[in-house]
Protein backbone atom coordinates (compact mmCIF):
# COMPACT_ATOMS: atom_id res chain seq x y z
CA MET A 1 -24.17 -41.36 -22.85
CA LEU A 2 -22.70 -37.94 -23.13
CA LEU A 3 -25.77 -36.54 -21.77
CA ALA A 4 -25.63 -38.74 -18.92
CA GLN A 5 -22.05 -37.61 -18.15
CA PHE A 6 -22.94 -33.94 -18.43
CA THR A 7 -25.95 -34.57 -15.83
CA LYS A 8 -23.46 -36.27 -13.49
CA LEU A 9 -21.10 -33.30 -13.86
CA ILE A 10 -24.06 -31.07 -12.77
CA ALA A 11 -25.07 -33.04 -9.77
CA ASP A 12 -21.36 -33.26 -8.74
CA LEU A 13 -20.95 -29.62 -9.00
CA GLU A 14 -24.13 -28.97 -6.91
CA SER A 15 -22.78 -31.22 -4.29
CA LEU A 16 -19.67 -29.02 -3.68
CA THR A 17 -19.38 -26.60 -0.67
CA ASP A 18 -19.90 -22.72 -1.53
CA SER A 19 -16.22 -21.95 -1.64
CA GLN A 20 -15.60 -24.66 -4.06
CA SER A 21 -18.51 -23.60 -6.05
CA ARG A 22 -17.28 -19.97 -6.39
CA TYR A 23 -13.86 -21.29 -7.38
CA ILE A 24 -15.13 -23.25 -10.34
CA GLU A 25 -18.04 -21.17 -11.31
CA LYS A 26 -16.57 -19.52 -14.27
CA TYR A 27 -15.05 -22.71 -15.52
CA ASP A 28 -18.51 -24.52 -15.05
CA VAL A 29 -20.04 -21.65 -17.27
CA CYS A 30 -17.20 -22.22 -20.05
CA ILE A 31 -17.90 -26.04 -20.14
CA ALA A 32 -21.80 -25.54 -20.27
CA GLU A 33 -21.36 -23.16 -23.24
CA SER A 34 -18.92 -25.58 -24.98
CA PHE A 35 -21.32 -28.25 -24.60
CA LEU A 36 -24.11 -26.35 -25.97
CA HIS A 37 -22.02 -25.42 -28.91
CA GLY A 38 -21.14 -29.11 -29.44
CA LEU A 39 -17.54 -28.89 -28.43
CA SER A 40 -17.47 -30.42 -24.98
CA PRO A 41 -13.91 -30.57 -24.56
CA LEU A 42 -14.23 -32.14 -21.18
CA PHE A 43 -15.41 -35.42 -22.51
CA PHE A 44 -12.78 -35.58 -25.56
CA THR A 45 -9.55 -34.37 -24.15
């Protein structure tokens, strides 16, 4: 379930415009790193 949510997040991010992508790029990296470390704050806040 969590993997499906993460996959959807990636798909949503890829659908953004270039300006939106640049704006959230650093935040996306933080989410990805947190997910890889098992923290995944996006899904548990």
